Amino acid sequence: MVAASKETRADLNARIGLLYLVKAELETAKKYFEAAITLCPEHYLYHYYMALYYGRTNNRKEMLASFRKAVENLEYKKPEKSAAKQWLHSVAGTLFVDNKIC
């Protein structure tokens, strides 16, 4: 039996968390998103999902912090996603200059 990689386990946790988010079981969703971030903290998408969770719980401060983390890590897997990066900056209210968040 081969154990799944950390990235695979993180991805599974994130996907399960999304299912709970859609079902509005928010605290359960949060636990899965936290597990995904713990396993693979540099993956932008898991921070984005956490931002969605905070948005659903009306926690604007944490939502923006998670969006910022997502933006900071956006190039983890897909460096060609500059349009997505610009959009996330507009949502998070951050300024992106010379590949740095201001």
Protein backbone atom coordinates (compact mmCIF):
# COMPACT_ATOMS: atom_id res chain seq x y z
CA MET A 1 0.00 0.00 0.00
CA VAL A 2 1.34 3.41 -1.01
CA ALA A 3 0.57 6.44 1.12
CA ALA A 4 -0.81 9.50 -0.65
CA SER A 5 1.49 12.50 -0.96
CA LYS A 6 0.99 15.59 1.17
CA GLU A 7 -0.27 17.47 -1.91
CA THR A 8 -2.82 14.76 -2.65
CA ARG A 9 -4.05 14.72 0.96
CA ALA A 10 -4.23 18.52 0.96
CA ASP A 11 -6.23 18.49 -2.27
CA LEU A 12 -8.66 15.93 -0.87
CA ASN A 13 -9.14 17.97 2.31
CA ALA A 14 -9.79 21.11 0.27
CA ARG A 15 -12.33 19.36 -1.96
CA ILE A 16 -14.16 17.89 1.02
CA GLY A 17 -14.14 21.34 2.61
CA LEU A 18 -15.76 22.80 -0.49
CA LEU A 19 -18.53 20.22 -0.28
CA TYR A 20 -19.22 21.22 3.31
CA LEU A 21 -19.06 24.91 2.36
CA VAL A 22 -21.72 24.36 -0.30
CA LYS A 23 -23.85 22.49 2.25
CA ALA A 24 -23.39 25.48 4.62
CA GLU A 25 -21.71 23.28 7.23
CA LEU A 26 -19.21 26.05 7.75
CA GLU A 27 -17.25 24.90 10.80
CA THR A 28 -16.68 21.49 9.25
CA ALA A 29 -15.58 23.15 6.01
CA LYS A 30 -13.13 25.31 7.96
CA LYS A 31 -11.51 22.25 9.56
CA TYR A 32 -10.88 20.69 6.16
CA PHE A 33 -9.50 23.95 4.72
CA GLU A 34 -7.19 24.31 7.73
CA ALA A 35 -5.98 20.74 7.21
CA ALA A 36 -5.27 21.48 3.54
CA ILE A 37 -3.32 24.62 4.44
CA THR A 38 -1.36 22.76 7.11
CA LEU A 39 -0.36 20.09 4.62
CA CYS A 40 0.47 22.48 1.78
CA PRO A 41 0.66 26.08 3.07
CA GLU A 42 2.14 27.46 -0.15
CA HIS A 43 -0.82 26.51 -2.34
CA TYR A 44 -2.82 29.61 -3.23
CA LEU A 45 -6.10 27.81 -3.81
CA TYR A 46 -6.43 26.59 -0.23
CA HIS A 47 -6.09 30.15 1.07
CA TYR A 48 -8.68 31.23 -1.48
CA TYR A 49 -11.08 28.59 -0.18
CA MET A 50 -10.46 29.79 3.37
CA ALA A 51 -11.30 33.31 2.18
CA LEU A 52 -14.59 31.97 0.81
CA TYR A 53 -15.28 30.45 4.23
CA TYR A 54 -14.56 33.73 5.99
CA GLY A 55 -16.77 35.53 3.49
CA ARG A 56 -19.65 33.19 4.33
CA THR A 57 -19.13 33.88 8.04
CA ASN A 58 -19.00 37.67 7.47
CA ASN A 59 -15.45 37.92 8.82
CA ARG A 60 -14.13 40.55 6.41
CA LYS A 61 -10.78 41.00 8.15
CA GLU A 62 -9.87 37.31 7.94
CA MET A 63 -11.35 37.04 4.46
CA LEU A 64 -9.04 39.78 3.18
CA ALA A 65 -6.06 38.24 4.99
CA SER A 66 -6.76 34.91 3.31
CA PHE A 67 -7.16 36.60 -0.08
CA ARG A 68 -3.78 38.26 0.45
CA LYS A 69 -2.19 34.90 1.27
CA ALA A 70 -3.76 33.46 -1.86
CA VAL A 71 -2.30 36.28 -3.94
CA GLU A 72 1.13 35.92 -2.35
CA ASN A 73 1.13 32.21 -3.21
CA LEU A 74 -0.60 32.40 -6.58
CA GLU A 75 2.48 31.38 -8.52
CA TYR A 76 2.89 28.11 -6.58
CA LYS A 77 1.52 25.92 -9.36
CA LYS A 78 0.47 28.25 -12.15
CA PRO A 79 2.80 31.20 -12.77
CA GLU A 80 0.86 32.08 -15.95
CA LYS A 81 -2.18 33.15 -13.93
CA SER A 82 -1.37 36.88 -13.88
CA ALA A 83 -4.96 37.85 -14.74
CA ALA A 84 -6.19 35.86 -11.73
CA LYS A 85 -3.52 37.51 -9.62
CA GLN A 86 -4.70 40.98 -10.66
CA TRP A 87 -8.31 40.04 -9.93
CA LEU A 88 -7.41 38.72 -6.47
CA HIS A 89 -5.55 41.96 -5.77
CA SER A 90 -8.62 43.96 -6.72
CA VAL A 91 -10.78 41.83 -4.39
CA ALA A 92 -8.26 41.93 -1.54
CA GLY A 93 -7.70 45.66 -1.93
CA THR A 94 -3.94 45.30 -2.25
CA LEU A 95 -1.59 46.94 -4.68
CA PHE A 96 0.77 44.79 -6.69
CA VAL A 97 3.92 46.55 -7.93
CA ASP A 98 7.05 44.90 -9.31
CA ASN A 99 5.91 41.43 -8.19
CA LYS A 100 5.49 42.60 -4.58
CA ILE A 101 2.39 43.27 -2.53
CA CYS A 102 2.26 46.82 -1.19
